[in-house]
């Protein structure tokens, strides 16, 4: 992990593209040349212009499980009542 943190520091210093998890409280980072499943926790840099956003492995799995649970709980799509409720909440 120390090597990955050094690579991240080098990327920041050279103004290279760095991917960060899109969840605001998540500090997971990755570089484009790392394997897709490799993420390293690192402090975010405020106003770093070369950030791209993606979803880290942890949050991907979390969302996947939540969606699967929603599909299991609802054998059909949203009801008219649910859609109306969402529209009222959005207004």
PDB file of N, CA and C in Angstrom:
ATOM      1  N   UNK A   1       0.822  -1.193   0.000  1.00  0.00           N
ATOM      2  CA  UNK A   1       0.000   0.000   0.000  1.00  0.00           C
ATOM      3  C   UNK A   1       0.865   1.256   0.000  1.00  0.00           C
ATOM      4  N   UNK A   2       2.038   1.172   0.573  1.00  0.00           N
ATOM      5  CA  UNK A   2       2.929   2.338   0.586  1.00  0.00           C
ATOM      6  C   UNK A   2       3.303   2.727  -0.841  1.00  0.00           C
ATOM      7  N   UNK A   3       3.532   1.721  -1.689  1.00  0.00           N
ATOM      8  CA  UNK A   3       3.880   1.999  -3.083  1.00  0.00           C
ATOM      9  C   UNK A   3       2.726   2.712  -3.795  1.00  0.00           C
ATOM     10  N   UNK A   4       1.501   2.277  -3.544  1.00  0.00           N
ATOM     11  CA  UNK A   4       0.347   2.907  -4.174  1.00  0.00           C
ATOM     12  C   UNK A   4       0.182   4.356  -3.706  1.00  0.00           C
ATOM     13  N   UNK A   5       0.406   4.599  -2.412  1.00  0.00           N
ATOM     14  CA  UNK A   5       0.325   5.966  -1.911  1.00  0.00           C
ATOM     15  C   UNK A   5       1.410   6.852  -2.528  1.00  0.00           C
ATOM     16  N   UNK A   6       2.590   6.305  -2.736  1.00  0.00           N
ATOM     17  CA  UNK A   6       3.655   7.051  -3.414  1.00  0.00           C
ATOM     18  C   UNK A   6       3.250   7.374  -4.850  1.00  0.00           C
ATOM     19  N   UNK A   7       2.644   6.397  -5.530  1.00  0.00           N
ATOM     20  CA  UNK A   7       2.190   6.623  -6.899  1.00  0.00           C
ATOM     21  C   UNK A   7       1.105   7.702  -6.936  1.00  0.00           C
ATOM     22  N   UNK A   8       0.222   7.694  -5.956  1.00  0.00           N
ATOM     23  CA  UNK A   8      -0.805   8.743  -5.894  1.00  0.00           C
ATOM     24  C   UNK A   8      -0.175  10.108  -5.665  1.00  0.00           C
ATOM     25  N   UNK A   9       0.786  10.185  -4.767  1.00  0.00           N
ATOM     26  CA  UNK A   9       1.461  11.459  -4.511  1.00  0.00           C
ATOM     27  C   UNK A   9       2.167  11.967  -5.773  1.00  0.00           C
ATOM     28  N   UNK A  10       2.785  11.056  -6.506  1.00  0.00           N
ATOM     29  CA  UNK A  10       3.437  11.427  -7.765  1.00  0.00           C
ATOM     30  C   UNK A  10       2.406  11.933  -8.769  1.00  0.00           C
ATOM     31  N   UNK A  11       1.258  11.285  -8.829  1.00  0.00           N
ATOM     32  CA  UNK A  11       0.202  11.710  -9.750  1.00  0.00           C
ATOM     33  C   UNK A  11      -0.300  13.105  -9.383  1.00  0.00           C
ATOM     34  N   UNK A  12      -0.494  13.362  -8.091  1.00  0.00           N
ATOM     35  CA  UNK A  12      -0.914  14.700  -7.656  1.00  0.00           C
ATOM     36  C   UNK A  12       0.151  15.735  -8.024  1.00  0.00           C
ATOM     37  N   UNK A  13       1.412  15.392  -7.779  1.00  0.00           N
ATOM     38  CA  UNK A  13       2.508  16.339  -8.039  1.00  0.00           C
ATOM     39  C   UNK A  13       2.649  16.650  -9.523  1.00  0.00           C
ATOM     40  N   UNK A  14       2.372  15.663 -10.377  1.00  0.00           N
ATOM     41  CA  UNK A  14       2.519  15.871 -11.815  1.00  0.00           C
ATOM     42  C   UNK A  14       1.211  16.281 -12.473  1.00  0.00           C
ATOM     43  N   UNK A  15       0.189  16.553 -11.665  1.00  0.00           N
ATOM     44  CA  UNK A  15      -1.112  16.999 -12.172  1.00  0.00           C
ATOM     45  C   UNK A  15      -1.747  15.951 -13.094  1.00  0.00           C
ATOM     46  N   UNK A  16      -1.585  14.687 -12.723  1.00  0.00           N
ATOM     47  CA  UNK A  16      -2.113  13.580 -13.507  1.00  0.00           C
ATOM     48  C   UNK A  16      -3.555  13.279 -13.077  1.00  0.00           C
ATOM     49  N   UNK A  17      -4.277  12.533 -13.894  1.00  0.00           N
ATOM     50  CA  UNK A  17      -5.654  12.162 -13.612  1.00  0.00           C
ATOM     51  C   UNK A  17      -5.704  11.161 -12.459  1.00  0.00           C
ATOM     52  N   UNK A  18      -6.566  11.427 -11.480  1.00  0.00           N
ATOM     53  CA  UNK A  18      -6.753  10.547 -10.328  1.00  0.00           C
ATOM     54  C   UNK A  18      -8.252  10.290 -10.185  1.00  0.00           C
ATOM     55  N   UNK A  19      -8.613   9.031 -10.003  1.00  0.00           N
ATOM     56  CA  UNK A  19     -10.022   8.676  -9.825  1.00  0.00           C
ATOM     57  C   UNK A  19     -10.315   8.569  -8.341  1.00  0.00           C
ATOM     58  N   UNK A  20     -11.442   9.129  -7.938  1.00  0.00           N
ATOM     59  CA  UNK A  20     -11.881   9.079  -6.548  1.00  0.00           C
ATOM     60  C   UNK A  20     -13.318   8.557  -6.525  1.00  0.00           C
ATOM     61  N   UNK A  21     -13.662   7.847  -5.460  1.00  0.00           N
ATOM     62  CA  UNK A  21     -15.028   7.347  -5.325  1.00  0.00           C
ATOM     63  C   UNK A  21     -15.989   8.524  -5.245  1.00  0.00           C
ATOM     64  N   UNK A  22     -17.134   8.404  -5.896  1.00  0.00           N
ATOM     65  CA  UNK A  22     -18.076   9.523  -5.960  1.00  0.00           C
ATOM     66  C   UNK A  22     -18.826   9.747  -4.657  1.00  0.00           C
ATOM     67  N   UNK A  23     -18.745   8.816  -3.716  1.00  0.00           N
ATOM     68  CA  UNK A  23     -19.386   9.020  -2.422  1.00  0.00           C
ATOM     69  C   UNK A  23     -18.599  10.089  -1.659  1.00  0.00           C
ATOM     70  N   UNK A  24     -19.243  11.166  -1.232  1.00  0.00           N
ATOM     71  CA  UNK A  24     -18.532  12.285  -0.611  1.00  0.00           C
ATOM     72  C   UNK A  24     -17.669  11.910   0.594  1.00  0.00           C
ATOM     73  N   UNK A  25     -18.118  10.979   1.417  1.00  0.00           N
ATOM     74  CA  UNK A  25     -17.367  10.635   2.621  1.00  0.00           C
ATOM     75  C   UNK A  25     -16.309   9.549   2.383  1.00  0.00           C
ATOM     76  N   UNK A  26     -16.275   8.985   1.182  1.00  0.00           N
ATOM     77  CA  UNK A  26     -15.337   7.910   0.863  1.00  0.00           C
ATOM     78  C   UNK A  26     -14.000   8.506   0.413  1.00  0.00           C
ATOM     79  N   UNK A  27     -12.910   7.906   0.867  1.00  0.00           N
ATOM     80  CA  UNK A  27     -11.578   8.396   0.529  1.00  0.00           C
ATOM     81  C   UNK A  27     -10.816   7.436  -0.389  1.00  0.00           C
ATOM     82  N   UNK A  28     -11.536   6.563  -1.077  1.00  0.00           N
ATOM     83  CA  UNK A  28     -10.874   5.589  -1.939  1.00  0.00           C
ATOM     84  C   UNK A  28     -10.463   6.245  -3.262  1.00  0.00           C
ATOM     85  N   UNK A  29      -9.221   5.977  -3.656  1.00  0.00           N
ATOM     86  CA  UNK A  29      -8.629   6.529  -4.875  1.00  0.00           C
ATOM     87  C   UNK A  29      -8.079   5.397  -5.729  1.00  0.00           C
ATOM     88  N   UNK A  30      -7.933   5.672  -7.011  1.00  0.00           N
ATOM     89  CA  UNK A  30      -7.239   4.745  -7.910  1.00  0.00           C
ATOM     90  C   UNK A  30      -6.623   5.518  -9.068  1.00  0.00           C
ATOM     91  N   UNK A  31      -5.650   4.901  -9.691  1.00  0.00           N
ATOM     92  CA  UNK A  31      -5.014   5.469 -10.880  1.00  0.00           C
ATOM     93  C   UNK A  31      -5.412   4.648 -12.093  1.00  0.00           C
ATOM     94  N   UNK A  32      -5.455   5.284 -13.238  1.00  0.00           N
ATOM     95  CA  UNK A  32      -5.978   4.649 -14.455  1.00  0.00           C
ATOM     96  C   UNK A  32      -5.218   3.400 -14.864  1.00  0.00           C
ATOM     97  N   UNK A  33      -3.960   3.273 -14.484  1.00  0.00           N
ATOM     98  CA  UNK A  33      -3.183   2.117 -14.910  1.00  0.00           C
ATOM     99  C   UNK A  33      -3.200   0.977 -13.884  1.00  0.00           C
ATOM    100  N   UNK A  34      -3.889   1.168 -12.774  1.00  0.00           N
ATOM    101  CA  UNK A  34      -4.056   0.090 -11.806  1.00  0.00           C
ATOM    102  C   UNK A  34      -5.163  -0.845 -12.282  1.00  0.00           C
ATOM    103  N   UNK A  35      -5.166  -2.087 -11.781  1.00  0.00           N
ATOM    104  CA  UNK A  35      -6.290  -2.982 -12.101  1.00  0.00           C
ATOM    105  C   UNK A  35      -7.606  -2.357 -11.620  1.00  0.00           C
ATOM    106  N   UNK A  36      -8.691  -2.672 -12.294  1.00  0.00           N
ATOM    107  CA  UNK A  36      -9.979  -2.048 -11.991  1.00  0.00           C
ATOM    108  C   UNK A  36     -10.434  -2.235 -10.552  1.00  0.00           C
ATOM    109  N   UNK A  37     -10.040  -3.331  -9.933  1.00  0.00           N
ATOM    110  CA  UNK A  37     -10.497  -3.597  -8.573  1.00  0.00           C
ATOM    111  C   UNK A  37      -9.541  -3.057  -7.503  1.00  0.00           C
ATOM    112  N   UNK A  38      -8.508  -2.336  -7.916  1.00  0.00           N
ATOM    113  CA  UNK A  38      -7.533  -1.806  -6.955  1.00  0.00           C
ATOM    114  C   UNK A  38      -7.898  -0.379  -6.575  1.00  0.00           C
ATOM    115  N   UNK A  39      -8.198  -0.196  -5.315  1.00  0.00           N
ATOM    116  CA  UNK A  39      -8.510   1.106  -4.745  1.00  0.00           C
ATOM    117  C   UNK A  39      -7.701   1.256  -3.471  1.00  0.00           C
ATOM    118  N   UNK A  40      -7.237   2.472  -3.185  1.00  0.00           N
ATOM    119  CA  UNK A  40      -6.436   2.736  -1.998  1.00  0.00           C
ATOM    120  C   UNK A  40      -7.032   3.931  -1.269  1.00  0.00           C
ATOM    121  N   UNK A  41      -7.111   3.807   0.055  1.00  0.00           N
ATOM    122  CA  UNK A  41      -7.609   4.932   0.843  1.00  0.00           C
ATOM    123  C   UNK A  41      -6.524   6.010   0.909  1.00  0.00           C
ATOM    124  N   UNK A  42      -6.933   7.231   0.619  1.00  0.00           N
ATOM    125  CA  UNK A  42      -6.007   8.364   0.583  1.00  0.00           C
ATOM    126  C   UNK A  42      -6.816   9.624   0.828  1.00  0.00           C
ATOM    127  N   UNK A  43      -6.225  10.600   1.476  1.00  0.00           N
ATOM    128  CA  UNK A  43      -6.947  11.849   1.722  1.00  0.00           C
ATOM    129  C   UNK A  43      -7.263  12.550   0.410  1.00  0.00           C
ATOM    130  N   UNK A  44      -8.485  13.071   0.323  1.00  0.00           N
ATOM    131  CA  UNK A  44      -8.876  13.819  -0.873  1.00  0.00           C
ATOM    132  C   UNK A  44      -8.201  15.180  -0.870  1.00  0.00           C
ATOM    133  N   UNK A  45      -7.920  15.666  -2.063  1.00  0.00           N
ATOM    134  CA  UNK A  45      -7.341  16.994  -2.226  1.00  0.00           C
ATOM    135  C   UNK A  45      -8.440  17.961  -2.628  1.00  0.00           C
ATOM    136  N   UNK A  46      -8.683  18.943  -1.807  1.00  0.00           N
ATOM    137  CA  UNK A  46      -9.696  19.943  -2.136  1.00  0.00           C
ATOM    138  C   UNK A  46      -9.311  20.666  -3.421  1.00  0.00           C
ATOM    139  N   UNK A  47     -10.277  20.818  -4.301  1.00  0.00           N
ATOM    140  CA  UNK A  47     -10.123  21.573  -5.545  1.00  0.00           C
ATOM    141  C   UNK A  47      -9.071  21.001  -6.492  1.00  0.00           C
ATOM    142  N   UNK A  48      -8.790  19.706  -6.403  1.00  0.00           N
ATOM    143  CA  UNK A  48      -7.863  19.098  -7.359  1.00  0.00           C
ATOM    144  C   UNK A  48      -8.580  18.983  -8.696  1.00  0.00           C
ATOM    145  N   UNK A  49      -8.051  19.641  -9.710  1.00  0.00           N
ATOM    146  CA  UNK A  49      -8.747  19.769 -10.995  1.00  0.00           C
ATOM    147  C   UNK A  49      -8.786  18.469 -11.802  1.00  0.00           C
ATOM    148  N   UNK A  50      -7.881  17.563 -11.562  1.00  0.00           N
ATOM    149  CA  UNK A  50      -7.790  16.358 -12.399  1.00  0.00           C
ATOM    150  C   UNK A  50      -8.422  15.123 -11.760  1.00  0.00           C
ATOM    151  N   UNK A  51      -9.406  15.335 -10.883  1.00  0.00           N
ATOM    152  CA  UNK A  51     -10.143  14.201 -10.327  1.00  0.00           C
ATOM    153  C   UNK A  51     -11.184  13.731 -11.340  1.00  0.00           C
ATOM    154  N   UNK A  52     -11.298  12.436 -11.471  1.00  0.00           N
ATOM    155  CA  UNK A  52     -12.447  11.841 -12.143  1.00  0.00           C
ATOM    156  C   UNK A  52     -13.180  11.058 -11.060  1.00  0.00           C
ATOM    157  N   UNK A  53     -14.422  10.737 -11.301  1.00  0.00           N
ATOM    158  CA  UNK A  53     -15.207  10.054 -10.285  1.00  0.00           C
ATOM    159  C   UNK A  53     -15.693   8.711 -10.804  1.00  0.00           C
ATOM    160  N   UNK A  54     -15.675   7.759  -9.905  1.00  0.00           N
ATOM    161  CA  UNK A  54     -16.183   6.430 -10.196  1.00  0.00           C
ATOM    162  C   UNK A  54     -16.723   5.872  -8.888  1.00  0.00           C
ATOM    163  N   UNK A  55     -17.039   4.614  -8.884  1.00  0.00           N
ATOM    164  CA  UNK A  55     -17.551   3.990  -7.665  1.00  0.00           C
ATOM    165  C   UNK A  55     -16.567   2.922  -7.224  1.00  0.00           C
ATOM    166  N   UNK A  56     -16.153   3.014  -5.975  1.00  0.00           N
ATOM    167  CA  UNK A  56     -15.184   2.042  -5.464  1.00  0.00           C
ATOM    168  C   UNK A  56     -15.854   0.676  -5.304  1.00  0.00           C
ATOM    169  N   UNK A  57     -15.046  -0.332  -5.137  1.00  0.00           N
ATOM    170  CA  UNK A  57     -15.555  -1.700  -5.017  1.00  0.00           C
ATOM    171  C   UNK A  57     -16.531  -1.853  -3.849  1.00  0.00           C
ATOM    172  N   UNK A  58     -16.229  -1.225  -2.724  1.00  0.00           N
ATOM    173  CA  UNK A  58     -17.096  -1.329  -1.552  1.00  0.00           C
ATOM    174  C   UNK A  58     -18.486  -0.769  -1.853  1.00  0.00           C
ATOM    175  N   UNK A  59     -18.544   0.439  -2.392  1.00  0.00           N
ATOM    176  CA  UNK A  59     -19.840   1.059  -2.658  1.00  0.00           C
ATOM    177  C   UNK A  59     -20.571   0.369  -3.812  1.00  0.00           C
ATOM    178  N   UNK A  60     -19.826  -0.129  -4.780  1.00  0.00           N
ATOM    179  CA  UNK A  60     -20.447  -0.886  -5.861  1.00  0.00           C
ATOM    180  C   UNK A  60     -21.202  -2.089  -5.283  1.00  0.00           C
ATOM    181  N   UNK A  61     -20.532  -2.831  -4.410  1.00  0.00           N
ATOM    182  CA  UNK A  61     -21.152  -4.008  -3.806  1.00  0.00           C
ATOM    183  C   UNK A  61     -22.351  -3.609  -2.948  1.00  0.00           C
ATOM    184  N   UNK A  62     -22.205  -2.523  -2.198  1.00  0.00           N
ATOM    185  CA  UNK A  62     -23.294  -2.047  -1.350  1.00  0.00           C
ATOM    186  C   UNK A  62     -24.520  -1.686  -2.186  1.00  0.00           C
ATOM    187  N   UNK A  63     -24.319  -0.921  -3.262  1.00  0.00           N
ATOM    188  CA  UNK A  63     -25.439  -0.543  -4.130  1.00  0.00           C
ATOM    189  C   UNK A  63     -26.066  -1.763  -4.780  1.00  0.00           C
ATOM    190  N   UNK A  64     -25.221  -2.687  -5.226  1.00  0.00           N
ATOM    191  CA  UNK A  64     -25.715  -3.894  -5.867  1.00  0.00           C
ATOM    192  C   UNK A  64     -26.638  -4.672  -4.921  1.00  0.00           C
ATOM    193  N   UNK A  65     -26.197  -4.821  -3.671  1.00  0.00           N
ATOM    194  CA  UNK A  65     -27.006  -5.546  -2.695  1.00  0.00           C
ATOM    195  C   UNK A  65     -28.319  -4.816  -2.414  1.00  0.00           C
ATOM    196  N   UNK A  66     -28.263  -3.490  -2.309  1.00  0.00           N
ATOM    197  CA  UNK A  66     -29.482  -2.723  -2.059  1.00  0.00           C
ATOM    198  C   UNK A  66     -30.467  -2.840  -3.218  1.00  0.00           C
ATOM    199  N   UNK A  67     -29.975  -2.793  -4.437  1.00  0.00           N
ATOM    200  CA  UNK A  67     -30.843  -2.919  -5.612  1.00  0.00           C
ATOM    201  C   UNK A  67     -31.442  -4.313  -5.679  1.00  0.00           C
ATOM    202  N   UNK A  68     -30.613  -5.321  -5.431  1.00  0.00           N
ATOM    203  CA  UNK A  68     -31.133  -6.693  -5.436  1.00  0.00           C
ATOM    204  C   UNK A  68     -32.225  -6.853  -4.382  1.00  0.00           C
ATOM    205  N   UNK A  69     -32.018  -6.258  -3.205  1.00  0.00           N
ATOM    206  CA  UNK A  69     -33.029  -6.349  -2.151  1.00  0.00           C
ATOM    207  C   UNK A  69     -34.312  -5.642  -2.560  1.00  0.00           C
ATOM    208  N   UNK A  70     -34.185  -4.492  -3.202  1.00  0.00           N
ATOM    209  CA  UNK A  70     -35.367  -3.766  -3.666  1.00  0.00           C
ATOM    210  C   UNK A  70     -36.129  -4.582  -4.698  1.00  0.00           C
ATOM    211  N   UNK A  71     -35.418  -5.232  -5.596  1.00  0.00           N
ATOM    212  CA  UNK A  71     -36.060  -6.054  -6.621  1.00  0.00           C
ATOM    213  C   UNK A  71     -36.755  -7.244  -5.965  1.00  0.00           C
ATOM    214  N   UNK A  72     -36.105  -7.842  -4.988  1.00  0.00           N
ATOM    215  CA  UNK A  72     -36.698  -8.976  -4.282  1.00  0.00           C
ATOM    216  C   UNK A  72     -37.949  -8.549  -3.521  1.00  0.00           C
ATOM    217  N   UNK A  73     -37.867  -7.402  -2.852  1.00  0.00           N
ATOM    218  CA  UNK A  73     -38.997  -6.902  -2.075  1.00  0.00           C
ATOM    219  C   UNK A  73     -40.169  -6.505  -2.956  1.00  0.00           C
ATOM    220  N   UNK A  74     -39.889  -6.029  -4.140  1.00  0.00           N
ATOM    221  CA  UNK A  74     -40.916  -5.577  -5.081  1.00  0.00           C
ATOM    222  C   UNK A  74     -40.871  -6.471  -6.307  1.00  0.00           C
ATOM    223  N   UNK A  75     -41.800  -7.377  -6.396  1.00  0.00           N
ATOM    224  CA  UNK A  75     -41.827  -8.274  -7.550  1.00  0.00           C
ATOM    225  C   UNK A  75     -42.231  -7.541  -8.817  1.00  0.00           C
ATOM    226  N   UNK A  76     -42.830  -6.374  -8.650  1.00  0.00           N
ATOM    227  CA  UNK A  76     -43.235  -5.569  -9.797  1.00  0.00           C
ATOM    228  C   UNK A  76     -42.634  -4.185  -9.640  1.00  0.00           C
ATOM    229  N   UNK A  77     -42.791  -3.354 -10.639  1.00  0.00           N
ATOM    230  CA  UNK A  77     -42.297  -1.987 -10.592  1.00  0.00           C
ATOM    231  C   UNK A  77     -43.054  -1.152  -9.579  1.00  0.00           C
ATOM    232  N   UNK A  78     -42.699   0.104  -9.456  1.00  0.00           N
ATOM    233  CA  UNK A  78     -43.362   0.978  -8.500  1.00  0.00           C
ATOM    234  C   UNK A  78     -44.851   1.123  -8.806  1.00  0.00           C
ATOM    235  N   UNK A  79     -45.627   1.216  -7.771  1.00  0.00           N
ATOM    236  CA  UNK A  79     -47.063   1.399  -7.941  1.00  0.00           C
ATOM    237  C   UNK A  79     -47.346   2.868  -8.232  1.00  0.00           C
ATOM    238  N   UNK A  80     -48.544   3.148  -8.683  1.00  0.00           N
ATOM    239  CA  UNK A  80     -48.954   4.524  -8.939  1.00  0.00           C
ATOM    240  C   UNK A  80     -48.856   5.329  -7.655  1.00  0.00           C
ATOM    241  N   UNK A  81     -49.241   4.706  -6.540  1.00  0.00           N
ATOM    242  CA  UNK A  81     -49.181   5.388  -5.247  1.00  0.00           C
ATOM    243  C   UNK A  81     -47.739   5.769  -4.895  1.00  0.00           C
ATOM    244  N   UNK A  82     -46.800   4.875  -5.138  1.00  0.00           N
ATOM    245  CA  UNK A  82     -45.387   5.159  -4.865  1.00  0.00           C
ATOM    246  C   UNK A  82     -44.893   6.284  -5.748  1.00  0.00           C
ATOM    247  N   UNK A  83     -45.253   6.243  -7.031  1.00  0.00           N
ATOM    248  CA  UNK A  83     -44.821   7.294  -7.952  1.00  0.00           C
ATOM    249  C   UNK A  83     -45.359   8.645  -7.534  1.00  0.00           C
ATOM    250  N   UNK A  84     -46.638   8.702  -7.116  1.00  0.00           N
ATOM    251  CA  UNK A  84     -47.218   9.950  -6.643  1.00  0.00           C
ATOM    252  C   UNK A  84     -46.494  10.447  -5.398  1.00  0.00           C
ATOM    253  N   UNK A  85     -46.190   9.532  -4.488  1.00  0.00           N
ATOM    254  CA  UNK A  85     -45.493   9.892  -3.257  1.00  0.00           C
ATOM    255  C   UNK A  85     -44.130  10.491  -3.582  1.00  0.00           C
ATOM    256  N   UNK A  86     -43.411   9.900  -4.524  1.00  0.00           N
ATOM    257  CA  UNK A  86     -42.109  10.430  -4.924  1.00  0.00           C
ATOM    258  C   UNK A  86     -42.240  11.799  -5.561  1.00  0.00           C
ATOM    259  N   UNK A  87     -43.288  11.998  -6.368  1.00  0.00           N
ATOM    260  CA  UNK A  87     -43.503  13.297  -7.017  1.00  0.00           C
ATOM    261  C   UNK A  87     -43.792  14.367  -5.973  1.00  0.00           C
ATOM    262  N   UNK A  88     -44.567  14.007  -4.932  1.00  0.00           N
ATOM    263  CA  UNK A  88     -44.892  14.981  -3.874  1.00  0.00           C
ATOM    264  C   UNK A  88     -43.632  15.324  -3.102  1.00  0.00           C
ATOM    265  N   UNK A  89     -42.797  14.318  -2.814  1.00  0.00           N
ATOM    266  CA  UNK A  89     -41.563  14.564  -2.083  1.00  0.00           C
ATOM    267  C   UNK A  89     -40.620  15.458  -2.882  1.00  0.00           C
ATOM    268  N   UNK A  90     -40.588  15.296  -4.194  1.00  0.00           N
ATOM    269  CA  UNK A  90     -39.684  16.072  -5.039  1.00  0.00           C
ATOM    270  C   UNK A  90     -40.142  17.515  -5.178  1.00  0.00           C
ATOM    271  N   UNK A  91     -41.428  17.757  -5.024  1.00  0.00           N
ATOM    272  CA  UNK A  91     -41.973  19.118  -5.216  1.00  0.00           C
ATOM    273  C   UNK A  91     -41.650  20.036  -4.057  1.00  0.00           C
TER     274      UNK A  91
END
